PDB file of all heavy atoms in Angstrom:
ATOM      1  N   HIS A   1     147.785 -30.859   5.133  1.00  0.00           N
ATOM      2  CA  HIS A   1     149.229 -30.675   5.225  1.00  0.00           C
ATOM      3  C   HIS A   1     149.759 -31.898   5.957  1.00  0.00           C
ATOM      4  O   HIS A   1     149.270 -32.224   7.048  1.00  0.00           O
ATOM      5  CB  HIS A   1     149.550 -29.399   6.017  1.00  0.00           C
ATOM      6  CG  HIS A   1     150.941 -28.894   5.802  1.00  0.00           C
ATOM      7  ND1 HIS A   1     151.317 -28.217   4.657  1.00  0.00           N
ATOM      8  CD2 HIS A   1     152.048 -28.960   6.579  1.00  0.00           C
ATOM      9  CE1 HIS A   1     152.590 -27.879   4.743  1.00  0.00           C
ATOM     10  NE2 HIS A   1     153.057 -28.322   5.893  1.00  0.00           N
ATOM     11  N   GLY A   2     150.706 -32.610   5.360  1.00  0.00           N
ATOM     12  CA  GLY A   2     151.159 -33.837   6.002  1.00  0.00           C
ATOM     13  C   GLY A   2     152.390 -34.410   5.338  1.00  0.00           C
ATOM     14  O   GLY A   2     152.772 -34.012   4.233  1.00  0.00           O
ATOM     15  N   ASP A   3     152.987 -35.377   6.012  1.00  0.00           N
ATOM     16  CA  ASP A   3     154.260 -35.958   5.570  1.00  0.00           C
ATOM     17  C   ASP A   3     154.057 -37.416   5.155  1.00  0.00           C
ATOM     18  O   ASP A   3     153.853 -38.290   6.003  1.00  0.00           O
ATOM     19  CB  ASP A   3     155.274 -35.868   6.714  1.00  0.00           C
ATOM     20  CG  ASP A   3     156.676 -36.259   6.285  1.00  0.00           C
ATOM     21  OD1 ASP A   3     156.833 -36.858   5.197  1.00  0.00           O
ATOM     22  OD2 ASP A   3     157.627 -35.962   7.039  1.00  0.00           O
ATOM     23  N   PRO A   4     154.120 -37.711   3.851  1.00  0.00           N
ATOM     24  CA  PRO A   4     153.961 -39.089   3.389  1.00  0.00           C
ATOM     25  C   PRO A   4     155.293 -39.844   3.302  1.00  0.00           C
ATOM     26  O   PRO A   4     155.323 -40.968   2.809  1.00  0.00           O
ATOM     27  CB  PRO A   4     153.368 -38.901   1.989  1.00  0.00           C
ATOM     28  CG  PRO A   4     154.028 -37.636   1.510  1.00  0.00           C
ATOM     29  CD  PRO A   4     154.204 -36.758   2.729  1.00  0.00           C
ATOM     30  N   THR A   5     156.380 -39.228   3.772  1.00  0.00           N
ATOM     31  CA  THR A   5     157.709 -39.830   3.587  1.00  0.00           C
ATOM     32  C   THR A   5     158.279 -40.436   4.862  1.00  0.00           C
ATOM     33  O   THR A   5     159.228 -41.211   4.797  1.00  0.00           O
ATOM     34  CB  THR A   5     158.706 -38.784   3.055  1.00  0.00           C
ATOM     35  OG1 THR A   5     158.948 -37.783   4.068  1.00  0.00           O
ATOM     36  CG2 THR A   5     158.182 -38.117   1.800  1.00  0.00           C
ATOM     37  N   GLN A   6     157.738 -40.073   6.043  1.00  0.00           N
ATOM     38  CA  GLN A   6     158.281 -40.564   7.308  1.00  0.00           C
ATOM     39  C   GLN A   6     157.137 -41.009   8.229  1.00  0.00           C
ATOM     40  O   GLN A   6     156.314 -40.189   8.624  1.00  0.00           O
ATOM     41  CB  GLN A   6     159.093 -39.481   8.024  1.00  0.00           C
ATOM     42  CG  GLN A   6     160.270 -38.951   7.236  1.00  0.00           C
ATOM     43  CD  GLN A   6     161.023 -37.909   8.018  1.00  0.00           C
ATOM     44  OE1 GLN A   6     161.621 -38.191   9.060  1.00  0.00           O
ATOM     45  NE2 GLN A   6     161.013 -36.683   7.528  1.00  0.00           N
ATOM     46  N   ARG A   7     157.134 -42.282   8.556  1.00  0.00           N
ATOM     47  CA  ARG A   7     156.063 -42.833   9.384  1.00  0.00           C
ATOM     48  C   ARG A   7     156.032 -42.198  10.777  1.00  0.00           C
ATOM     49  O   ARG A   7     154.968 -42.079  11.396  1.00  0.00           O
ATOM     50  CB  ARG A   7     156.241 -44.353   9.501  1.00  0.00           C
ATOM     51  CG  ARG A   7     155.117 -45.063  10.231  1.00  0.00           C
ATOM     52  CD  ARG A   7     155.371 -46.562  10.253  1.00  0.00           C
ATOM     53  NE  ARG A   7     155.238 -47.136   8.927  1.00  0.00           N
ATOM     54  CZ  ARG A   7     154.110 -47.612   8.426  1.00  0.00           C
ATOM     55  NH1 ARG A   7     152.996 -47.559   9.153  1.00  0.00           N
ATOM     56  NH2 ARG A   7     154.071 -48.134   7.219  1.00  0.00           N
ATOM     57  N   GLU A   8     157.185 -41.767  11.278  1.00  0.00           N
ATOM     58  CA  GLU A   8     157.266 -41.173  12.620  1.00  0.00           C
ATOM     59  C   GLU A   8     157.325 -39.650  12.563  1.00  0.00           C
ATOM     60  O   GLU A   8     157.724 -39.005  13.530  1.00  0.00           O
ATOM     61  CB  GLU A   8     158.502 -41.721  13.360  1.00  0.00           C
ATOM     62  CG  GLU A   8     158.537 -43.232  13.497  1.00  0.00           C
ATOM     63  CD  GLU A   8     157.322 -43.780  14.217  1.00  0.00           C
ATOM     64  OE1 GLU A   8     156.855 -43.138  15.171  1.00  0.00           O
ATOM     65  OE2 GLU A   8     156.829 -44.857  13.816  1.00  0.00           O
ATOM     66  N   SER A   9     156.957 -39.053  11.477  1.00  0.00           N
ATOM     67  CA  SER A   9     157.020 -37.598  11.333  1.00  0.00           C
ATOM     68  C   SER A   9     156.114 -36.908  12.358  1.00  0.00           C
ATOM     69  O   SER A   9     155.018 -37.380  12.652  1.00  0.00           O
ATOM     70  CB  SER A   9     156.587 -37.190   9.925  1.00  0.00           C
ATOM     71  OG  SER A   9     156.477 -35.776   9.823  1.00  0.00           O
ATOM     72  N   PRO A  10     156.558 -35.755  12.899  1.00  0.00           N
ATOM     73  CA  PRO A  10     155.686 -34.982  13.797  1.00  0.00           C
ATOM     74  C   PRO A  10     154.655 -34.140  13.049  1.00  0.00           C
ATOM     75  O   PRO A  10     153.859 -33.442  13.659  1.00  0.00           O
ATOM     76  CB  PRO A  10     156.671 -34.100  14.559  1.00  0.00           C
ATOM     77  CG  PRO A  10     157.802 -33.897  13.605  1.00  0.00           C
ATOM     78  CD  PRO A  10     157.915 -35.182  12.826  1.00  0.00           C
ATOM     79  N   TYR A  11     154.698 -34.192  11.707  1.00  0.00           N
ATOM     80  CA  TYR A  11     153.843 -33.330  10.891  1.00  0.00           C
ATOM     81  C   TYR A  11     152.784 -34.151  10.152  1.00  0.00           C
ATOM     82  O   TYR A  11     152.846 -34.313   8.938  1.00  0.00           O
ATOM     83  CB  TYR A  11     154.687 -32.530   9.897  1.00  0.00           C
ATOM     84  CG  TYR A  11     155.827 -31.788  10.548  1.00  0.00           C
ATOM     85  CD1 TYR A  11     157.152 -32.144  10.289  1.00  0.00           C
ATOM     86  CD2 TYR A  11     155.591 -30.740  11.430  1.00  0.00           C
ATOM     87  CE1 TYR A  11     158.207 -31.464  10.886  1.00  0.00           C
ATOM     88  CE2 TYR A  11     156.631 -30.053  12.032  1.00  0.00           C
ATOM     89  CZ  TYR A  11     157.939 -30.428  11.761  1.00  0.00           C
ATOM     90  OH  TYR A  11     158.974 -29.761  12.369  1.00  0.00           O
ATOM     91  N   ASN A  12     151.819 -34.685  10.907  1.00  0.00           N
ATOM     92  CA  ASN A  12     150.733 -35.458  10.321  1.00  0.00           C
ATOM     93  C   ASN A  12     151.257 -36.535   9.373  1.00  0.00           C
ATOM     94  O   ASN A  12     151.118 -36.424   8.147  1.00  0.00           O
ATOM     95  CB  ASN A  12     149.747 -34.546   9.582  1.00  0.00           C
ATOM     96  CG  ASN A  12     148.610 -35.319   8.929  1.00  0.00           C
ATOM     97  OD1 ASN A  12     148.249 -36.403   9.372  1.00  0.00           O
ATOM     98  ND2 ASN A  12     148.059 -34.767   7.864  1.00  0.00           N
ATOM     99  N   PRO A  13     151.870 -37.595   9.902  1.00  0.00           N
ATOM    100  CA  PRO A  13     152.383 -38.659   9.028  1.00  0.00           C
ATOM    101  C   PRO A  13     151.245 -39.347   8.273  1.00  0.00           C
ATOM    102  O   PRO A  13     150.181 -39.635   8.832  1.00  0.00           O
ATOM    103  CB  PRO A  13     153.070 -39.621  10.003  1.00  0.00           C
ATOM    104  CG  PRO A  13     152.408 -39.351  11.326  1.00  0.00           C
ATOM    105  CD  PRO A  13     152.068 -37.890  11.331  1.00  0.00           C
ATOM    106  N   ILE A  14     151.485 -39.581   6.994  1.00  0.00           N
ATOM    107  CA  ILE A  14     150.505 -40.219   6.108  1.00  0.00           C
ATOM    108  C   ILE A  14     151.099 -41.534   5.624  1.00  0.00           C
ATOM    109  O   ILE A  14     152.197 -41.565   5.063  1.00  0.00           O
ATOM    110  CB  ILE A  14     150.189 -39.324   4.893  1.00  0.00           C
ATOM    111  CG1 ILE A  14     149.738 -37.928   5.322  1.00  0.00           C
ATOM    112  CG2 ILE A  14     149.182 -39.995   3.978  1.00  0.00           C
ATOM    113  CD1 ILE A  14     148.362 -37.852   5.898  1.00  0.00           C
ATOM    114  N   THR A  15     150.384 -42.642   5.794  1.00  0.00           N
ATOM    115  CA  THR A  15     150.881 -43.937   5.345  1.00  0.00           C
ATOM    116  C   THR A  15     150.085 -44.417   4.137  1.00  0.00           C
ATOM    117  O   THR A  15     148.940 -44.003   3.913  1.00  0.00           O
ATOM    118  CB  THR A  15     150.775 -44.997   6.460  1.00  0.00           C
ATOM    119  OG1 THR A  15     149.391 -45.269   6.720  1.00  0.00           O
ATOM    120  CG2 THR A  15     151.439 -44.510   7.743  1.00  0.00           C
ATOM    121  N   ALA A  16     150.698 -45.314   3.382  1.00  0.00           N
ATOM    122  CA  ALA A  16     150.019 -45.885   2.216  1.00  0.00           C
ATOM    123  C   ALA A  16     148.768 -46.650   2.641  1.00  0.00           C
ATOM    124  O   ALA A  16     147.749 -46.637   1.938  1.00  0.00           O
ATOM    125  CB  ALA A  16     150.973 -46.798   1.451  1.00  0.00           C
ATOM    126  N   GLY A  17     148.835 -47.305   3.805  1.00  0.00           N
ATOM    127  CA  GLY A  17     147.664 -48.024   4.290  1.00  0.00           C
ATOM    128  C   GLY A  17     146.500 -47.096   4.586  1.00  0.00           C
ATOM    129  O   GLY A  17     145.346 -47.417   4.274  1.00  0.00           O
ATOM    130  N   GLN A  18     146.785 -45.938   5.175  1.00  0.00           N
ATOM    131  CA  GLN A  18     145.732 -44.960   5.446  1.00  0.00           C
ATOM    132  C   GLN A  18     145.117 -44.442   4.148  1.00  0.00           C
ATOM    133  O   GLN A  18     143.891 -44.284   4.044  1.00  0.00           O
ATOM    134  CB  GLN A  18     146.289 -43.795   6.253  1.00  0.00           C
ATOM    135  CG  GLN A  18     146.669 -44.141   7.672  1.00  0.00           C
ATOM    136  CD  GLN A  18     147.403 -42.994   8.357  1.00  0.00           C
ATOM    137  OE1 GLN A  18     147.851 -42.052   7.712  1.00  0.00           O
ATOM    138  NE2 GLN A  18     147.526 -43.080   9.679  1.00  0.00           N
ATOM    139  N   VAL A  19     145.979 -44.181   3.179  1.00  0.00           N
ATOM    140  CA  VAL A  19     145.497 -43.675   1.889  1.00  0.00           C
ATOM    141  C   VAL A  19     144.604 -44.714   1.218  1.00  0.00           C
ATOM    142  O   VAL A  19     143.524 -44.396   0.706  1.00  0.00           O
ATOM    143  CB  VAL A  19     146.687 -43.289   0.984  1.00  0.00           C
ATOM    144  CG1 VAL A  19     146.206 -42.900  -0.410  1.00  0.00           C
ATOM    145  CG2 VAL A  19     147.496 -42.144   1.606  1.00  0.00           C
ATOM    146  N   LYS A  20     145.036 -45.954   1.233  1.00  0.00           N
ATOM    147  CA  LYS A  20     144.268 -47.024   0.593  1.00  0.00           C
ATOM    148  C   LYS A  20     142.899 -47.190   1.241  1.00  0.00           C
ATOM    149  O   LYS A  20     141.892 -47.430   0.567  1.00  0.00           O
ATOM    150  CB  LYS A  20     145.049 -48.332   0.665  1.00  0.00           C
ATOM    151  CG  LYS A  20     144.379 -49.494  -0.046  1.00  0.00           C
ATOM    152  CD  LYS A  20     145.250 -50.744   0.016  1.00  0.00           C
ATOM    153  CE  LYS A  20     144.591 -51.897  -0.706  1.00  0.00           C
ATOM    154  NZ  LYS A  20     145.438 -53.127  -0.668  1.00  0.00           N
ATOM    155  N   ALA A  21     142.861 -47.061   2.570  1.00  0.00           N
ATOM    156  CA  ALA A  21     141.608 -47.272   3.301  1.00  0.00           C
ATOM    157  C   ALA A  21     140.715 -46.035   3.331  1.00  0.00           C
ATOM    158  O   ALA A  21     139.581 -46.111   3.811  1.00  0.00           O
ATOM    159  CB  ALA A  21     141.920 -47.703   4.737  1.00  0.00           C
ATOM    160  N   SER A  22     141.191 -44.913   2.804  1.00  0.00           N
ATOM    161  CA  SER A  22     140.476 -43.645   2.956  1.00  0.00           C
ATOM    162  C   SER A  22     139.179 -43.564   2.162  1.00  0.00           C
ATOM    163  O   SER A  22     138.278 -42.802   2.515  1.00  0.00           O
ATOM    164  CB  SER A  22     141.379 -42.480   2.544  1.00  0.00           C
ATOM    165  OG  SER A  22     141.602 -42.489   1.137  1.00  0.00           O
ATOM    166  N   GLY A  23     139.093 -44.304   1.064  1.00  0.00           N
ATOM    167  CA  GLY A  23     137.921 -44.202   0.213  1.00  0.00           C
ATOM    168  C   GLY A  23     137.885 -42.942  -0.629  1.00  0.00           C
ATOM    169  O   GLY A  23     136.882 -42.657  -1.296  1.00  0.00           O
ATOM    170  N   LEU A  24     138.967 -42.185  -0.620  1.00  0.00           N
ATOM    171  CA  LEU A  24     139.064 -40.966  -1.418  1.00  0.00           C
ATOM    172  C   LEU A  24     139.479 -41.290  -2.844  1.00  0.00           C
ATOM    173  O   LEU A  24     140.131 -42.307  -3.103  1.00  0.00           O
ATOM    174  CB  LEU A  24     140.088 -40.012  -0.807  1.00  0.00           C
ATOM    175  CG  LEU A  24     139.828 -39.505   0.612  1.00  0.00           C
ATOM    176  CD1 LEU A  24     141.087 -38.868   1.184  1.00  0.00           C
ATOM    177  CD2 LEU A  24     138.677 -38.494   0.617  1.00  0.00           C
ATOM    178  N   GLN A  25     139.121 -40.405  -3.756  1.00  0.00           N
ATOM    179  CA  GLN A  25     139.690 -40.499  -5.100  1.00  0.00           C
ATOM    180  C   GLN A  25     141.013 -39.743  -5.175  1.00  0.00           C
ATOM    181  O   GLN A  25     141.935 -40.152  -5.868  1.00  0.00           O
ATOM    182  CB  GLN A  25     138.720 -39.904  -6.129  1.00  0.00           C
ATOM    183  CG  GLN A  25     137.511 -40.780  -6.408  1.00  0.00           C
ATOM    184  CD  GLN A  25     136.476 -40.018  -7.199  1.00  0.00           C
ATOM    185  OE1 GLN A  25     135.771 -39.172  -6.659  1.00  0.00           O
ATOM    186  NE2 GLN A  25     136.394 -40.293  -8.490  1.00  0.00           N
ATOM    187  N   TYR A  26     141.067 -38.632  -4.437  1.00  0.00           N
ATOM    188  CA  TYR A  26     142.255 -37.780  -4.517  1.00  0.00           C
ATOM    189  C   TYR A  26     142.569 -37.207  -3.141  1.00  0.00           C
ATOM    190  O   TYR A  26     141.677 -36.672  -2.465  1.00  0.00           O
ATOM    191  CB  TYR A  26     142.021 -36.633  -5.507  1.00  0.00           C
ATOM    192  CG  TYR A  26     143.248 -35.793  -5.774  1.00  0.00           C
ATOM    193  CD1 TYR A  26     144.281 -36.275  -6.569  1.00  0.00           C
ATOM    194  CD2 TYR A  26     143.381 -34.511  -5.234  1.00  0.00           C
ATOM    195  CE1 TYR A  26     145.411 -35.509  -6.812  1.00  0.00           C
ATOM    196  CE2 TYR A  26     144.502 -33.740  -5.486  1.00  0.00           C
ATOM    197  CZ  TYR A  26     145.516 -34.245  -6.270  1.00  0.00           C
ATOM    198  OH  TYR A  26     146.640 -33.486  -6.517  1.00  0.00           O
ATOM    199  N   LEU A  27     143.833 -37.334  -2.731  1.00  0.00           N
ATOM    200  CA  LEU A  27     144.316 -36.738  -1.493  1.00  0.00           C
ATOM    201  C   LEU A  27     145.377 -35.699  -1.836  1.00  0.00           C
ATOM    202  O   LEU A  27     146.441 -36.036  -2.359  1.00  0.00           O
ATOM    203  CB  LEU A  27     144.902 -37.806  -0.571  1.00  0.00           C
ATOM    204  CG  LEU A  27     145.583 -37.301   0.702  1.00  0.00           C
ATOM    205  CD1 LEU A  27     144.626 -36.474   1.558  1.00  0.00           C
ATOM    206  CD2 LEU A  27     146.155 -38.470   1.510  1.00  0.00           C
ATOM    207  N   ALA A  28     145.057 -34.442  -1.562  1.00  0.00           N
ATOM    208  CA  ALA A  28     145.950 -33.323  -1.867  1.00  0.00           C
ATOM    209  C   ALA A  28     146.772 -32.983  -0.628  1.00  0.00           C
ATOM    210  O   ALA A  28     146.217 -32.598   0.404  1.00  0.00           O
ATOM    211  CB  ALA A  28     145.133 -32.107  -2.309  1.00  0.00           C
ATOM    212  N   LEU A  29     148.086 -33.139  -0.729  1.00  0.00           N
ATOM    213  CA  LEU A  29     148.971 -32.865   0.400  1.00  0.00           C
ATOM    214  C   LEU A  29     149.848 -31.648   0.143  1.00  0.00           C
ATOM    215  O   LEU A  29     150.068 -31.236  -0.999  1.00  0.00           O
ATOM    216  CB  LEU A  29     149.878 -34.065   0.679  1.00  0.00           C
ATOM    217  CG  LEU A  29     149.222 -35.355   1.158  1.00  0.00           C
ATOM    218  CD1 LEU A  29     150.294 -36.395   1.450  1.00  0.00           C
ATOM    219  CD2 LEU A  29     148.360 -35.114   2.388  1.00  0.00           C
ATOM    220  N   GLY A  30     150.361 -31.096   1.231  1.00  0.00           N
ATOM    221  CA  GLY A  30     151.437 -30.123   1.199  1.00  0.00           C
ATOM    222  C   GLY A  30     152.484 -30.561   2.203  1.00  0.00           C
ATOM    223  O   GLY A  30     152.326 -31.565   2.888  1.00  0.00           O
ATOM    224  N   HIS A  31     153.580 -29.834   2.295  1.00  0.00           N
ATOM    225  CA  HIS A  31     154.665 -30.014   3.271  1.00  0.00           C
ATOM    226  C   HIS A  31     155.986 -30.410   2.608  1.00  0.00           C
ATOM    227  O   HIS A  31     157.024 -29.853   2.955  1.00  0.00           O
ATOM    228  CB  HIS A  31     154.309 -31.038   4.356  1.00  0.00           C
ATOM    229  CG  HIS A  31     155.348 -31.133   5.439  1.00  0.00           C
ATOM    230  ND1 HIS A  31     155.620 -30.084   6.287  1.00  0.00           N
ATOM    231  CD2 HIS A  31     156.194 -32.139   5.798  1.00  0.00           C
ATOM    232  CE1 HIS A  31     156.581 -30.437   7.134  1.00  0.00           C
ATOM    233  NE2 HIS A  31     156.938 -31.678   6.852  1.00  0.00           N
ATOM    234  N   ILE A  32     155.977 -31.369   1.699  1.00  0.00           N
ATOM    235  CA  ILE A  32     157.206 -31.786   1.028  1.00  0.00           C
ATOM    236  C   ILE A  32     157.435 -30.871  -0.174  1.00  0.00           C
ATOM    237  O   ILE A  32     156.570 -30.749  -1.039  1.00  0.00           O
ATOM    238  CB  ILE A  32     157.131 -33.257   0.579  1.00  0.00           C
ATOM    239  CG1 ILE A  32     156.791 -34.155   1.770  1.00  0.00           C
ATOM    240  CG2 ILE A  32     158.442 -33.681  -0.059  1.00  0.00           C
ATOM    241  CD1 ILE A  32     157.795 -34.117   2.888  1.00  0.00           C
ATOM    242  N   HIS A  33     158.608 -30.240  -0.238  1.00  0.00           N
ATOM    243  CA  HIS A  33     158.843 -29.198  -1.242  1.00  0.00           C
ATOM    244  C   HIS A  33     159.273 -29.735  -2.603  1.00  0.00           C
ATOM    245  O   HIS A  33     159.344 -28.969  -3.565  1.00  0.00           O
ATOM    246  CB  HIS A  33     159.881 -28.203  -0.725  1.00  0.00           C
ATOM    247  CG  HIS A  33     159.353 -27.321   0.362  1.00  0.00           C
ATOM    248  ND1 HIS A  33     159.986 -26.169   0.771  1.00  0.00           N
ATOM    249  CD2 HIS A  33     158.227 -27.411   1.120  1.00  0.00           C
ATOM    250  CE1 HIS A  33     159.287 -25.600   1.732  1.00  0.00           C
ATOM    251  NE2 HIS A  33     158.217 -26.338   1.971  1.00  0.00           N
ATOM    252  N   LYS A  34     159.554 -31.008  -2.689  1.00  0.00           N
ATOM    253  CA  LYS A  34     159.829 -31.641  -3.985  1.00  0.00           C
ATOM    254  C   LYS A  34     158.620 -32.473  -4.367  1.00  0.00           C
ATOM    255  O   LYS A  34     158.173 -33.336  -3.605  1.00  0.00           O
ATOM    256  CB  LYS A  34     161.077 -32.525  -3.906  1.00  0.00           C
ATOM    257  CG  LYS A  34     161.461 -33.131  -5.249  1.00  0.00           C
ATOM    258  CD  LYS A  34     162.745 -33.932  -5.139  1.00  0.00           C
ATOM    259  CE  LYS A  34     163.124 -34.520  -6.491  1.00  0.00           C
ATOM    260  NZ  LYS A  34     164.381 -35.320  -6.421  1.00  0.00           N
ATOM    261  N   ALA A  35     158.075 -32.225  -5.549  1.00  0.00           N
ATOM    262  CA  ALA A  35     156.825 -32.863  -5.963  1.00  0.00           C
ATOM    263  C   ALA A  35     156.937 -34.388  -5.961  1.00  0.00           C
ATOM    264  O   ALA A  35     157.998 -34.955  -6.247  1.00  0.00           O
ATOM    265  CB  ALA A  35     156.429 -32.375  -7.350  1.00  0.00           C
ATOM    266  N   GLY A  36     155.820 -35.029  -5.644  1.00  0.00           N
ATOM    267  CA  GLY A  36     155.787 -36.481  -5.641  1.00  0.00           C
ATOM    268  C   GLY A  36     154.359 -36.984  -5.595  1.00  0.00           C
ATOM    269  O   GLY A  36     153.412 -36.220  -5.398  1.00  0.00           O
ATOM    270  N   ALA A  37     154.194 -38.287  -5.758  1.00  0.00           N
ATOM    271  CA  ALA A  37     152.860 -38.879  -5.768  1.00  0.00           C
ATOM    272  C   ALA A  37     152.967 -40.382  -5.621  1.00  0.00           C
ATOM    273  O   ALA A  37     154.009 -40.982  -5.912  1.00  0.00           O
ATOM    274  CB  ALA A  37     152.129 -38.532  -7.069  1.00  0.00           C
ATOM    275  N   PHE A  38     151.896 -40.989  -5.147  1.00  0.00           N
ATOM    276  CA  PHE A  38     151.771 -42.445  -5.186  1.00  0.00           C
ATOM    277  C   PHE A  38     150.293 -42.794  -5.199  1.00  0.00           C
ATOM    278  O   PHE A  38     149.446 -42.010  -4.766  1.00  0.00           O
ATOM    279  CB  PHE A  38     152.494 -43.123  -4.023  1.00  0.00           C
ATOM    280  CG  PHE A  38     151.879 -42.892  -2.669  1.00  0.00           C
ATOM    281  CD1 PHE A  38     150.897 -43.740  -2.164  1.00  0.00           C
ATOM    282  CD2 PHE A  38     152.298 -41.828  -1.877  1.00  0.00           C
ATOM    283  CE1 PHE A  38     150.339 -43.532  -0.916  1.00  0.00           C
ATOM    284  CE2 PHE A  38     151.748 -41.608  -0.623  1.00  0.00           C
ATOM    285  CZ  PHE A  38     150.761 -42.462  -0.137  1.00  0.00           C
ATOM    286  N   ARG A  39     149.990 -43.964  -5.703  1.00  0.00           N
ATOM    287  CA  ARG A  39     148.618 -44.458  -5.720  1.00  0.00           C
ATOM    288  C   ARG A  39     148.524 -45.653  -4.779  1.00  0.00           C
ATOM    289  O   ARG A  39     149.364 -46.560  -4.829  1.00  0.00           O
ATOM    290  CB  ARG A  39     148.209 -44.863  -7.143  1.00  0.00           C
ATOM    291  CG  ARG A  39     146.709 -45.125  -7.287  1.00  0.00           C
ATOM    292  CD  ARG A  39     146.363 -45.511  -8.717  1.00  0.00           C
ATOM    293  NE  ARG A  39     146.563 -44.424  -9.647  1.00  0.00           N
ATOM    294  CZ  ARG A  39     145.667 -43.478  -9.904  1.00  0.00           C
ATOM    295  NH1 ARG A  39     144.501 -43.489  -9.272  1.00  0.00           N
ATOM    296  NH2 ARG A  39     145.917 -42.528 -10.777  1.00  0.00           N
TER     297      ARG A  39
END
């Protein structure tokens, strides 16, 4: 559960740099009620 839209979010902020460095194929998030995605 995390927020990929606000770098200073109090709800586990997720940055593109973290995602890129994660080594994951897929990161499944919740919290934002309007669907979205980025690679």
